[in-house]
Amino acid sequence: MSVGSIKTMTIEGLREKLECYQVKLRESNGKIQQDIKRDFLYFISFLLVSDFKPNIIIEVGIGYGGWAYLMNELFLIKKLILIDREFKRFDSMPFEWLTDVRKIKGESDSQEVLSRVGESLSGKKADLIHIDAAHTYAGVMADYLNYWNYLNKEGIMVFHDIKYEGVKKAFEEIILKHTAIRITSRKPSAKGGIGILINS
C-alpha cells in the first residue's frame, strides 16, 4: 500500500462531519440517508484503528456522495475516481474538494468506463475501492471481478449493504477467496452493513 497522510480526528469530530453532511443533504434536496451515521462511523473507525492511509480511492456507485465526501474530508488523498450512471444528486451537493476528483459517467461494467478508469489511474492502482452500485448478485460479482485488478497489494475493497439479499449472496461467495471483515449491527432487522476484503 502506498504511503499517505491522515488527519487526526476524534469520534466526536467524526460525528460532526457526519452531521454536517446530513445538514447539507437536507438543505440541498430534503432527503437524508439514515444509515450513514452507523455504517460510516464503524468503517472510518476501522480505517483509523488499522492506520490505513489511502492515496487513491475508486468509488463505484456514489449516490449523494456521502462516502466520497468523508474520504475527502478525512484523508489527504491524491485522487478520487467516482463512477455512476448519473451525477445529478451528487452535483447538487455543495462539497468543497481537497483532491483530484475524476467523475466517470456510465455503467460500471462497460468497457468504456473500465478503460477510462485505467486511464485515470495512469498506471497506478487504488488503495481503496468502494462497491455500492447494483445491489444484485450479478451486479456485485461483476464489479468485484472488474475492479479487483485495479486494487493495490494490501489495499481494501469495501462492499456496502451486505445485509441486502443480492449483495449478501455475492459477498459470502467472494470471501471464500479472501481475508475479510464484516461490520454489521447485532439487530437482525437492521439493514446496511459493510464488508471489507483485504488484498493480502
N, C-alpha and C. Protein backbone atom coordinates (compact mmCIF):
# COMPACT_ATOMS: atom_id res chain seq x y z
N MET A 1 0.84 -1.19 0.00
CA MET A 1 0.00 0.00 0.00
C MET A 1 0.87 1.24 0.00
N SER A 2 0.55 2.23 -0.81
CA SER A 2 1.35 3.44 -0.88
C SER A 2 1.17 4.28 0.38
N VAL A 3 2.18 5.07 0.68
CA VAL A 3 2.17 5.86 1.90
C VAL A 3 1.39 7.14 1.68
N GLY A 4 0.53 7.48 2.61
CA GLY A 4 -0.23 8.71 2.52
C GLY A 4 -0.22 9.41 3.87
N SER A 5 -1.08 10.38 4.05
CA SER A 5 -1.19 11.08 5.31
C SER A 5 -2.63 11.04 5.77
N ILE A 6 -2.83 11.09 7.08
CA ILE A 6 -4.18 11.06 7.63
C ILE A 6 -4.33 12.18 8.65
N LYS A 7 -5.51 12.77 8.67
CA LYS A 7 -5.78 13.81 9.65
C LYS A 7 -6.14 13.15 10.98
N THR A 8 -5.73 13.78 12.06
CA THR A 8 -6.12 13.30 13.38
C THR A 8 -7.53 13.80 13.67
N MET A 9 -8.41 12.87 14.05
CA MET A 9 -9.79 13.27 14.30
C MET A 9 -10.39 12.37 15.36
N THR A 10 -11.14 12.95 16.29
CA THR A 10 -11.80 12.19 17.34
C THR A 10 -13.12 11.63 16.85
N ILE A 11 -13.69 10.70 17.61
CA ILE A 11 -15.00 10.16 17.29
C ILE A 11 -16.02 11.30 17.28
N GLU A 12 -15.86 12.25 18.21
CA GLU A 12 -16.77 13.40 18.24
C GLU A 12 -16.64 14.21 16.95
N GLY A 13 -15.39 14.34 16.47
CA GLY A 13 -15.16 15.05 15.22
C GLY A 13 -15.81 14.33 14.05
N LEU A 14 -15.72 12.99 14.06
CA LEU A 14 -16.35 12.21 13.00
C LEU A 14 -17.86 12.43 13.00
N ARG A 15 -18.44 12.43 14.18
CA ARG A 15 -19.88 12.65 14.27
C ARG A 15 -20.26 14.03 13.73
N GLU A 16 -19.42 15.02 14.02
CA GLU A 16 -19.69 16.36 13.50
C GLU A 16 -19.67 16.38 11.97
N LYS A 17 -18.69 15.65 11.39
CA LYS A 17 -18.61 15.58 9.93
C LYS A 17 -19.87 14.92 9.36
N LEU A 18 -20.31 13.85 10.03
CA LEU A 18 -21.49 13.15 9.56
C LEU A 18 -22.72 14.03 9.66
N GLU A 19 -22.84 14.76 10.77
CA GLU A 19 -23.97 15.65 10.95
C GLU A 19 -23.93 16.79 9.93
N CYS A 20 -22.73 17.29 9.64
CA CYS A 20 -22.57 18.34 8.64
C CYS A 20 -23.04 17.84 7.27
N TYR A 21 -22.68 16.60 6.93
CA TYR A 21 -23.10 16.02 5.65
C TYR A 21 -24.62 15.93 5.58
N GLN A 22 -25.23 15.49 6.67
CA GLN A 22 -26.68 15.34 6.66
C GLN A 22 -27.39 16.68 6.58
N VAL A 23 -26.82 17.71 7.20
CA VAL A 23 -27.40 19.05 7.09
C VAL A 23 -27.34 19.52 5.64
N LYS A 24 -26.20 19.31 4.97
CA LYS A 24 -26.06 19.69 3.57
C LYS A 24 -27.05 18.93 2.70
N LEU A 25 -27.24 17.67 3.02
CA LEU A 25 -28.19 16.85 2.27
C LEU A 25 -29.60 17.39 2.43
N ARG A 26 -29.96 17.75 3.66
CA ARG A 26 -31.29 18.27 3.95
C ARG A 26 -31.53 19.60 3.25
N GLU A 27 -30.52 20.47 3.30
CA GLU A 27 -30.64 21.78 2.67
C GLU A 27 -30.72 21.67 1.15
N SER A 28 -30.05 20.64 0.61
CA SER A 28 -29.97 20.50 -0.84
C SER A 28 -31.25 19.95 -1.45
N ASN A 29 -31.77 18.86 -0.86
CA ASN A 29 -32.93 18.24 -1.50
C ASN A 29 -33.91 17.58 -0.53
N GLY A 30 -33.73 17.82 0.75
CA GLY A 30 -34.71 17.34 1.73
C GLY A 30 -34.64 15.86 2.03
N LYS A 31 -33.63 15.16 1.51
CA LYS A 31 -33.53 13.72 1.75
C LYS A 31 -32.35 13.42 2.66
N ILE A 32 -32.49 12.43 3.51
CA ILE A 32 -31.42 12.04 4.43
C ILE A 32 -31.23 10.53 4.35
N GLN A 33 -29.97 10.09 4.24
CA GLN A 33 -29.68 8.66 4.26
C GLN A 33 -29.50 8.25 5.72
N GLN A 34 -30.44 7.50 6.26
CA GLN A 34 -30.46 7.23 7.70
C GLN A 34 -29.32 6.32 8.18
N ASP A 35 -28.78 5.49 7.30
CA ASP A 35 -27.77 4.53 7.75
C ASP A 35 -26.35 5.09 7.69
N ILE A 36 -26.19 6.35 7.25
CA ILE A 36 -24.85 6.89 7.09
C ILE A 36 -24.10 6.95 8.41
N LYS A 37 -24.73 7.43 9.48
CA LYS A 37 -24.03 7.58 10.75
C LYS A 37 -23.46 6.26 11.23
N ARG A 38 -24.28 5.22 11.24
CA ARG A 38 -23.84 3.94 11.77
C ARG A 38 -22.76 3.31 10.91
N ASP A 39 -23.04 3.10 9.64
CA ASP A 39 -22.09 2.40 8.78
C ASP A 39 -20.79 3.17 8.60
N PHE A 40 -20.90 4.47 8.37
CA PHE A 40 -19.70 5.26 8.14
C PHE A 40 -18.84 5.35 9.39
N LEU A 41 -19.47 5.54 10.54
CA LEU A 41 -18.70 5.68 11.77
C LEU A 41 -17.92 4.41 12.06
N TYR A 42 -18.55 3.25 11.88
CA TYR A 42 -17.86 1.99 12.12
C TYR A 42 -16.72 1.79 11.13
N PHE A 43 -17.00 2.07 9.87
CA PHE A 43 -15.98 1.85 8.85
C PHE A 43 -14.79 2.80 9.03
N ILE A 44 -15.07 4.06 9.28
CA ILE A 44 -13.99 5.03 9.46
C ILE A 44 -13.19 4.70 10.71
N SER A 45 -13.87 4.24 11.76
CA SER A 45 -13.14 3.80 12.96
C SER A 45 -12.19 2.67 12.63
N PHE A 46 -12.64 1.74 11.78
CA PHE A 46 -11.77 0.64 11.34
C PHE A 46 -10.54 1.19 10.62
N LEU A 47 -10.73 2.15 9.72
CA LEU A 47 -9.61 2.73 8.99
C LEU A 47 -8.61 3.39 9.93
N LEU A 48 -9.14 4.14 10.89
CA LEU A 48 -8.26 4.86 11.81
C LEU A 48 -7.49 3.90 12.72
N VAL A 49 -8.19 2.92 13.25
CA VAL A 49 -7.55 1.96 14.16
C VAL A 49 -6.49 1.13 13.44
N SER A 50 -6.77 0.76 12.19
CA SER A 50 -5.81 -0.06 11.43
C SER A 50 -4.72 0.78 10.77
N ASP A 51 -4.76 2.10 10.96
CA ASP A 51 -3.75 3.00 10.40
C ASP A 51 -3.69 2.90 8.89
N PHE A 52 -4.83 2.73 8.27
CA PHE A 52 -4.91 2.64 6.82
C PHE A 52 -4.88 4.03 6.22
N LYS A 53 -4.01 4.27 5.24
CA LYS A 53 -3.80 5.61 4.70
C LYS A 53 -3.88 5.59 3.18
N PRO A 54 -5.07 5.68 2.61
CA PRO A 54 -5.22 5.59 1.15
C PRO A 54 -4.79 6.86 0.42
N ASN A 55 -4.14 6.68 -0.70
CA ASN A 55 -3.78 7.78 -1.58
C ASN A 55 -4.76 7.91 -2.75
N ILE A 56 -5.18 6.75 -3.28
CA ILE A 56 -6.09 6.73 -4.43
C ILE A 56 -7.32 5.90 -4.07
N ILE A 57 -8.51 6.47 -4.32
CA ILE A 57 -9.76 5.78 -4.00
C ILE A 57 -10.65 5.74 -5.24
N ILE A 58 -11.25 4.57 -5.47
CA ILE A 58 -12.26 4.42 -6.52
C ILE A 58 -13.59 4.13 -5.83
N GLU A 59 -14.63 4.84 -6.25
CA GLU A 59 -15.96 4.55 -5.72
C GLU A 59 -16.88 4.20 -6.88
N VAL A 60 -17.49 3.01 -6.80
CA VAL A 60 -18.40 2.51 -7.83
C VAL A 60 -19.82 2.61 -7.30
N GLY A 61 -20.56 3.62 -7.77
CA GLY A 61 -21.91 3.88 -7.27
C GLY A 61 -21.82 4.91 -6.15
N ILE A 62 -22.10 6.19 -6.45
CA ILE A 62 -21.82 7.24 -5.47
C ILE A 62 -23.05 7.84 -4.80
N GLY A 63 -24.24 7.67 -5.38
CA GLY A 63 -25.44 8.23 -4.76
C GLY A 63 -25.32 9.72 -4.56
N TYR A 64 -25.53 10.16 -3.30
CA TYR A 64 -25.43 11.58 -2.96
C TYR A 64 -23.98 12.00 -2.65
N GLY A 65 -23.07 11.04 -2.59
CA GLY A 65 -21.67 11.38 -2.38
C GLY A 65 -21.19 11.31 -0.95
N GLY A 66 -21.92 10.60 -0.09
CA GLY A 66 -21.54 10.52 1.33
C GLY A 66 -20.15 9.96 1.56
N TRP A 67 -19.86 8.83 0.93
CA TRP A 67 -18.54 8.21 1.09
C TRP A 67 -17.45 9.12 0.53
N ALA A 68 -17.67 9.62 -0.65
CA ALA A 68 -16.67 10.47 -1.28
C ALA A 68 -16.39 11.70 -0.42
N TYR A 69 -17.44 12.28 0.13
CA TYR A 69 -17.29 13.47 0.96
C TYR A 69 -16.43 13.18 2.20
N LEU A 70 -16.74 12.09 2.88
CA LEU A 70 -16.00 11.78 4.10
C LEU A 70 -14.55 11.38 3.81
N MET A 71 -14.32 10.65 2.75
CA MET A 71 -12.94 10.31 2.39
C MET A 71 -12.16 11.57 2.05
N ASN A 72 -12.83 12.49 1.36
CA ASN A 72 -12.22 13.77 1.00
C ASN A 72 -11.87 14.58 2.25
N GLU A 73 -12.74 14.54 3.25
CA GLU A 73 -12.54 15.32 4.46
C GLU A 73 -11.51 14.69 5.40
N LEU A 74 -11.47 13.37 5.46
CA LEU A 74 -10.66 12.69 6.47
C LEU A 74 -9.22 12.41 6.04
N PHE A 75 -9.03 12.11 4.78
CA PHE A 75 -7.72 11.68 4.33
C PHE A 75 -7.12 12.65 3.33
N LEU A 76 -5.81 12.81 3.40
CA LEU A 76 -5.10 13.65 2.44
C LEU A 76 -4.78 12.82 1.21
N ILE A 77 -5.85 12.42 0.50
CA ILE A 77 -5.68 11.54 -0.65
C ILE A 77 -5.29 12.34 -1.88
N LYS A 78 -4.73 11.64 -2.86
CA LYS A 78 -4.25 12.30 -4.06
C LYS A 78 -5.27 12.26 -5.21
N LYS A 79 -6.09 11.20 -5.23
CA LYS A 79 -7.01 11.07 -6.36
C LYS A 79 -8.27 10.31 -5.94
N LEU A 80 -9.42 10.81 -6.41
CA LEU A 80 -10.71 10.19 -6.14
C LEU A 80 -11.38 9.94 -7.48
N ILE A 81 -11.64 8.67 -7.82
CA ILE A 81 -12.27 8.31 -9.09
C ILE A 81 -13.70 7.84 -8.79
N LEU A 82 -14.68 8.57 -9.29
CA LEU A 82 -16.09 8.31 -8.99
C LEU A 82 -16.81 7.81 -10.23
N ILE A 83 -17.55 6.70 -10.07
CA ILE A 83 -18.22 6.06 -11.20
C ILE A 83 -19.71 5.91 -10.89
N ASP A 84 -20.55 6.39 -11.81
CA ASP A 84 -22.00 6.23 -11.64
C ASP A 84 -22.68 6.44 -12.98
N ARG A 85 -23.95 6.01 -13.05
CA ARG A 85 -24.71 6.20 -14.29
C ARG A 85 -25.12 7.65 -14.48
N GLU A 86 -25.30 8.39 -13.38
CA GLU A 86 -25.63 9.81 -13.47
C GLU A 86 -25.14 10.50 -12.19
N PHE A 87 -24.92 11.82 -12.30
CA PHE A 87 -24.34 12.58 -11.19
C PHE A 87 -25.26 13.71 -10.73
N LYS A 88 -26.55 13.65 -11.05
CA LYS A 88 -27.47 14.74 -10.71
C LYS A 88 -27.54 14.96 -9.20
N ARG A 89 -27.72 13.88 -8.44
CA ARG A 89 -27.82 14.03 -6.98
C ARG A 89 -26.50 14.52 -6.41
N PHE A 90 -25.42 13.92 -6.88
CA PHE A 90 -24.09 14.26 -6.39
C PHE A 90 -23.74 15.71 -6.72
N ASP A 91 -24.02 16.15 -7.93
CA ASP A 91 -23.67 17.50 -8.36
C ASP A 91 -24.47 18.57 -7.62
N SER A 92 -25.58 18.17 -7.00
CA SER A 92 -26.39 19.14 -6.26
C SER A 92 -25.82 19.43 -4.88
N MET A 93 -24.83 18.65 -4.45
CA MET A 93 -24.27 18.82 -3.12
C MET A 93 -23.18 19.89 -3.12
N PRO A 94 -23.17 20.78 -2.10
CA PRO A 94 -22.19 21.88 -2.05
C PRO A 94 -20.87 21.46 -1.43
N PHE A 95 -20.24 20.42 -1.97
CA PHE A 95 -18.98 19.93 -1.42
C PHE A 95 -17.81 20.76 -1.93
N GLU A 96 -16.79 20.89 -1.09
CA GLU A 96 -15.53 21.51 -1.48
C GLU A 96 -14.47 20.42 -1.48
N TRP A 97 -13.88 20.15 -2.64
CA TRP A 97 -12.96 19.04 -2.77
C TRP A 97 -11.52 19.43 -2.46
N LEU A 98 -10.83 18.54 -1.77
CA LEU A 98 -9.45 18.77 -1.37
C LEU A 98 -8.47 18.01 -2.25
N THR A 99 -8.98 17.31 -3.25
CA THR A 99 -8.13 16.41 -4.02
C THR A 99 -8.53 16.42 -5.50
N ASP A 100 -7.83 15.64 -6.30
CA ASP A 100 -8.10 15.47 -7.73
C ASP A 100 -9.30 14.52 -7.88
N VAL A 101 -10.42 15.05 -8.34
CA VAL A 101 -11.64 14.24 -8.48
C VAL A 101 -11.91 13.98 -9.96
N ARG A 102 -12.07 12.69 -10.32
CA ARG A 102 -12.41 12.30 -11.69
C ARG A 102 -13.79 11.65 -11.68
N LYS A 103 -14.74 12.22 -12.39
CA LYS A 103 -16.08 11.65 -12.50
C LYS A 103 -16.21 10.92 -13.82
N ILE A 104 -16.62 9.65 -13.75
CA ILE A 104 -16.79 8.83 -14.95
C ILE A 104 -18.24 8.37 -15.00
N LYS A 105 -18.95 8.81 -16.03
CA LYS A 105 -20.37 8.51 -16.16
C LYS A 105 -20.59 7.30 -17.07
N GLY A 106 -21.39 6.34 -16.59
CA GLY A 106 -21.71 5.17 -17.39
C GLY A 106 -21.93 3.95 -16.53
N GLU A 107 -22.23 2.83 -17.16
CA GLU A 107 -22.39 1.56 -16.45
C GLU A 107 -21.03 1.07 -15.97
N SER A 108 -20.98 0.65 -14.72
CA SER A 108 -19.69 0.28 -14.12
C SER A 108 -19.00 -0.89 -14.81
N ASP A 109 -19.78 -1.73 -15.50
CA ASP A 109 -19.18 -2.90 -16.15
C ASP A 109 -18.93 -2.70 -17.64
N SER A 110 -19.16 -1.47 -18.14
CA SER A 110 -18.95 -1.24 -19.58
C SER A 110 -17.46 -1.09 -19.87
N GLN A 111 -17.06 -1.51 -21.04
CA GLN A 111 -15.66 -1.45 -21.43
C GLN A 111 -15.16 -0.01 -21.48
N GLU A 112 -16.04 0.89 -21.91
CA GLU A 112 -15.65 2.30 -21.99
C GLU A 112 -15.31 2.85 -20.60
N VAL A 113 -16.15 2.55 -19.62
CA VAL A 113 -15.91 3.03 -18.25
C VAL A 113 -14.64 2.41 -17.67
N LEU A 114 -14.47 1.11 -17.87
CA LEU A 114 -13.27 0.44 -17.35
C LEU A 114 -12.00 1.00 -17.98
N SER A 115 -12.07 1.31 -19.26
CA SER A 115 -10.91 1.91 -19.94
C SER A 115 -10.59 3.28 -19.37
N ARG A 116 -11.62 4.07 -19.09
CA ARG A 116 -11.41 5.41 -18.53
C ARG A 116 -10.87 5.34 -17.11
N VAL A 117 -11.28 4.32 -16.37
CA VAL A 117 -10.73 4.12 -15.03
C VAL A 117 -9.23 3.85 -15.12
N GLY A 118 -8.86 2.95 -16.04
CA GLY A 118 -7.45 2.64 -16.24
C GLY A 118 -6.65 3.88 -16.63
N GLU A 119 -7.22 4.68 -17.50
CA GLU A 119 -6.54 5.92 -17.92
C GLU A 119 -6.39 6.89 -16.75
N SER A 120 -7.43 6.98 -15.92
CA SER A 120 -7.39 7.89 -14.78
C SER A 120 -6.36 7.47 -13.74
N LEU A 121 -6.11 6.18 -13.65
CA LEU A 121 -5.12 5.67 -12.70
C LEU A 121 -3.69 5.93 -13.17
N SER A 122 -3.51 6.13 -14.47
CA SER A 122 -2.18 6.44 -15.03
C SER A 122 -1.11 5.42 -14.63
N GLY A 123 -1.47 4.13 -14.72
CA GLY A 123 -0.51 3.09 -14.42
C GLY A 123 -0.41 2.73 -12.95
N LYS A 124 -1.10 3.45 -12.08
CA LYS A 124 -1.08 3.16 -10.65
C LYS A 124 -2.30 2.32 -10.28
N LYS A 125 -2.39 1.96 -9.00
CA LYS A 125 -3.55 1.20 -8.53
C LYS A 125 -4.15 1.90 -7.31
N ALA A 126 -5.40 1.55 -7.03
CA ALA A 126 -6.12 2.17 -5.93
C ALA A 126 -5.81 1.48 -4.61
N ASP A 127 -5.84 2.26 -3.54
CA ASP A 127 -5.65 1.71 -2.19
C ASP A 127 -6.97 1.26 -1.59
N LEU A 128 -8.05 1.88 -2.04
CA LEU A 128 -9.38 1.56 -1.53
C LEU A 128 -10.39 1.65 -2.67
N ILE A 129 -11.20 0.60 -2.82
CA ILE A 129 -12.28 0.58 -3.81
C ILE A 129 -13.58 0.30 -3.08
N HIS A 130 -14.55 1.18 -3.26
CA HIS A 130 -15.85 1.05 -2.60
C HIS A 130 -16.89 0.63 -3.62
N ILE A 131 -17.52 -0.52 -3.39
CA ILE A 131 -18.54 -1.07 -4.29
C ILE A 131 -19.93 -0.81 -3.69
N ASP A 132 -20.72 0.02 -4.37
CA ASP A 132 -22.05 0.36 -3.85
C ASP A 132 -22.99 0.72 -5.00
N ALA A 133 -22.89 -0.02 -6.10
CA ALA A 133 -23.71 0.26 -7.29
C ALA A 133 -24.92 -0.69 -7.29
N ALA A 134 -25.03 -1.56 -8.28
CA ALA A 134 -26.15 -2.50 -8.35
C ALA A 134 -26.14 -3.41 -7.12
N HIS A 135 -27.29 -3.60 -6.50
CA HIS A 135 -27.39 -4.44 -5.31
C HIS A 135 -27.90 -5.84 -5.64
N THR A 136 -27.63 -6.29 -6.85
CA THR A 136 -27.98 -7.64 -7.26
C THR A 136 -26.74 -8.53 -7.18
N TYR A 137 -26.96 -9.83 -7.12
CA TYR A 137 -25.84 -10.77 -7.08
C TYR A 137 -24.95 -10.58 -8.31
N ALA A 138 -25.56 -10.53 -9.49
CA ALA A 138 -24.80 -10.41 -10.73
C ALA A 138 -24.04 -9.08 -10.79
N GLY A 139 -24.70 -8.00 -10.34
CA GLY A 139 -24.05 -6.69 -10.37
C GLY A 139 -22.86 -6.60 -9.45
N VAL A 140 -22.99 -7.12 -8.24
CA VAL A 140 -21.89 -7.09 -7.27
C VAL A 140 -20.73 -7.96 -7.75
N MET A 141 -21.05 -9.15 -8.26
CA MET A 141 -19.99 -10.04 -8.74
C MET A 141 -19.24 -9.41 -9.91
N ALA A 142 -19.98 -8.75 -10.80
CA ALA A 142 -19.34 -8.10 -11.95
C ALA A 142 -18.40 -7.00 -11.50
N ASP A 143 -18.85 -6.17 -10.53
CA ASP A 143 -17.99 -5.09 -10.04
C ASP A 143 -16.77 -5.63 -9.32
N TYR A 144 -16.94 -6.67 -8.55
CA TYR A 144 -15.79 -7.30 -7.89
C TYR A 144 -14.77 -7.81 -8.91
N LEU A 145 -15.24 -8.53 -9.90
CA LEU A 145 -14.34 -9.11 -10.90
C LEU A 145 -13.68 -8.04 -11.77
N ASN A 146 -14.43 -7.00 -12.10
CA ASN A 146 -13.90 -5.96 -12.99
C ASN A 146 -12.92 -5.01 -12.30
N TYR A 147 -13.09 -4.80 -11.00
CA TYR A 147 -12.28 -3.78 -10.33
C TYR A 147 -11.19 -4.34 -9.42
N TRP A 148 -11.23 -5.62 -9.14
CA TRP A 148 -10.23 -6.20 -8.23
C TRP A 148 -8.81 -5.96 -8.74
N ASN A 149 -8.61 -6.08 -10.04
CA ASN A 149 -7.25 -5.90 -10.60
C ASN A 149 -6.75 -4.46 -10.52
N TYR A 150 -7.65 -3.53 -10.20
CA TYR A 150 -7.24 -2.13 -10.03
C TYR A 150 -6.79 -1.86 -8.59
N LEU A 151 -6.82 -2.89 -7.74
CA LEU A 151 -6.53 -2.71 -6.31
C LEU A 151 -5.08 -3.02 -5.98
N ASN A 152 -4.46 -2.15 -5.21
CA ASN A 152 -3.09 -2.32 -4.75
C ASN A 152 -2.93 -3.54 -3.85
N LYS A 153 -1.75 -4.08 -3.80
CA LYS A 153 -1.43 -5.10 -2.81
C LYS A 153 -1.59 -4.48 -1.43
N GLU A 154 -2.25 -5.17 -0.52
CA GLU A 154 -2.58 -4.69 0.82
C GLU A 154 -3.68 -3.62 0.80
N GLY A 155 -4.26 -3.37 -0.38
CA GLY A 155 -5.39 -2.45 -0.45
C GLY A 155 -6.66 -3.15 0.02
N ILE A 156 -7.75 -2.39 0.15
CA ILE A 156 -9.01 -2.99 0.59
C ILE A 156 -10.14 -2.65 -0.38
N MET A 157 -11.03 -3.63 -0.56
CA MET A 157 -12.26 -3.43 -1.33
C MET A 157 -13.42 -3.49 -0.35
N VAL A 158 -14.28 -2.48 -0.39
CA VAL A 158 -15.37 -2.35 0.56
C VAL A 158 -16.71 -2.53 -0.14
N PHE A 159 -17.58 -3.33 0.44
CA PHE A 159 -18.93 -3.56 -0.09
C PHE A 159 -19.94 -3.00 0.90
N HIS A 160 -20.81 -2.11 0.42
CA HIS A 160 -21.85 -1.56 1.29
C HIS A 160 -23.13 -2.37 1.15
N ASP A 161 -23.92 -2.38 2.22
CA ASP A 161 -25.24 -3.04 2.22
C ASP A 161 -25.14 -4.55 2.09
N ILE A 162 -24.21 -5.16 2.84
CA ILE A 162 -24.02 -6.61 2.73
C ILE A 162 -25.14 -7.43 3.38
N LYS A 163 -26.11 -6.76 3.98
CA LYS A 163 -27.26 -7.49 4.52
C LYS A 163 -28.41 -7.55 3.52
N TYR A 164 -28.26 -6.87 2.39
CA TYR A 164 -29.25 -6.99 1.32
C TYR A 164 -29.02 -8.31 0.58
N GLU A 165 -30.10 -8.93 0.17
CA GLU A 165 -30.04 -10.30 -0.35
C GLU A 165 -29.00 -10.50 -1.45
N GLY A 166 -29.05 -9.70 -2.51
CA GLY A 166 -28.13 -9.88 -3.63
C GLY A 166 -26.69 -9.62 -3.24
N VAL A 167 -26.46 -8.56 -2.47
CA VAL A 167 -25.11 -8.22 -2.04
C VAL A 167 -24.57 -9.29 -1.08
N LYS A 168 -25.42 -9.72 -0.17
CA LYS A 168 -25.03 -10.75 0.80
C LYS A 168 -24.61 -12.04 0.11
N LYS A 169 -25.39 -12.47 -0.85
CA LYS A 169 -25.08 -13.72 -1.56
C LYS A 169 -23.73 -13.61 -2.27
N ALA A 170 -23.50 -12.49 -2.94
CA ALA A 170 -22.23 -12.31 -3.65
C ALA A 170 -21.06 -12.23 -2.68
N PHE A 171 -21.24 -11.46 -1.60
CA PHE A 171 -20.15 -11.27 -0.64
C PHE A 171 -19.78 -12.59 0.03
N GLU A 172 -20.77 -13.39 0.39
CA GLU A 172 -20.50 -14.67 1.04
C GLU A 172 -19.71 -15.60 0.11
N GLU A 173 -19.94 -15.49 -1.17
CA GLU A 173 -19.19 -16.29 -2.13
C GLU A 173 -17.77 -15.74 -2.32
N ILE A 174 -17.68 -14.42 -2.39
CA ILE A 174 -16.38 -13.78 -2.63
C ILE A 174 -15.41 -14.01 -1.47
N ILE A 175 -15.90 -13.98 -0.23
CA ILE A 175 -14.99 -14.06 0.92
C ILE A 175 -14.33 -15.43 1.07
N LEU A 176 -14.80 -16.40 0.34
CA LEU A 176 -14.15 -17.71 0.38
C LEU A 176 -12.72 -17.63 -0.16
N LYS A 177 -12.42 -16.58 -0.93
CA LYS A 177 -11.11 -16.44 -1.56
C LYS A 177 -10.22 -15.38 -0.90
N HIS A 178 -10.74 -14.69 0.12
CA HIS A 178 -10.02 -13.54 0.66
C HIS A 178 -10.08 -13.46 2.18
N THR A 179 -9.16 -12.69 2.75
CA THR A 179 -9.28 -12.26 4.13
C THR A 179 -10.38 -11.21 4.17
N ALA A 180 -11.31 -11.33 5.09
CA ALA A 180 -12.46 -10.43 5.08
C ALA A 180 -12.86 -10.01 6.49
N ILE A 181 -13.53 -8.86 6.57
CA ILE A 181 -14.07 -8.34 7.81
C ILE A 181 -15.50 -7.90 7.55
N ARG A 182 -16.40 -8.22 8.48
CA ARG A 182 -17.79 -7.77 8.39
C ARG A 182 -18.04 -6.73 9.48
N ILE A 183 -18.78 -5.69 9.13
CA ILE A 183 -19.21 -4.70 10.12
C ILE A 183 -20.73 -4.59 9.99
N THR A 184 -21.44 -5.17 10.94
CA THR A 184 -22.91 -5.17 10.88
C THR A 184 -23.48 -4.94 12.27
N SER A 185 -24.76 -4.63 12.32
CA SER A 185 -25.44 -4.45 13.58
C SER A 185 -25.83 -5.81 14.16
N ARG A 186 -25.93 -5.88 15.49
CA ARG A 186 -26.39 -7.11 16.14
C ARG A 186 -27.89 -7.33 15.93
N LYS A 187 -28.60 -6.28 15.58
CA LYS A 187 -30.04 -6.39 15.40
C LYS A 187 -30.36 -7.12 14.09
N PRO A 188 -31.10 -8.22 14.15
CA PRO A 188 -31.43 -8.97 12.93
C PRO A 188 -32.18 -8.15 11.89
N SER A 189 -32.97 -7.16 12.35
CA SER A 189 -33.78 -6.37 11.43
C SER A 189 -33.00 -5.24 10.76
N ALA A 190 -31.78 -4.96 11.26
CA ALA A 190 -31.00 -3.83 10.74
C ALA A 190 -30.52 -4.10 9.32
N LYS A 191 -30.59 -3.08 8.47
CA LYS A 191 -30.09 -3.20 7.11
C LYS A 191 -28.69 -2.61 7.03
N GLY A 192 -28.19 -2.45 5.82
CA GLY A 192 -26.86 -1.85 5.65
C GLY A 192 -25.76 -2.87 5.85
N GLY A 193 -24.77 -2.50 6.63
CA GLY A 193 -23.63 -3.37 6.87
C GLY A 193 -22.52 -3.15 5.86
N ILE A 194 -21.30 -3.42 6.28
CA ILE A 194 -20.12 -3.22 5.43
C ILE A 194 -19.27 -4.47 5.43
N GLY A 195 -18.84 -4.87 4.25
CA GLY A 195 -17.92 -5.99 4.12
C GLY A 195 -16.59 -5.48 3.56
N ILE A 196 -15.50 -5.96 4.11
CA ILE A 196 -14.17 -5.48 3.73
C ILE A 196 -13.31 -6.66 3.29
N LEU A 197 -12.74 -6.57 2.08
CA LEU A 197 -11.79 -7.56 1.61
C LEU A 197 -10.40 -6.95 1.64
N ILE A 198 -9.42 -7.73 2.09
CA ILE A 198 -8.04 -7.26 2.15
C ILE A 198 -7.23 -8.01 1.10
N ASN A 199 -6.57 -7.28 0.22
CA ASN A 199 -5.78 -7.87 -0.85
C ASN A 199 -4.41 -8.27 -0.33
N SER A 200 -4.40 -9.33 0.45
CA SER A 200 -3.16 -9.77 1.11
C SER A 200 -2.45 -10.82 0.29
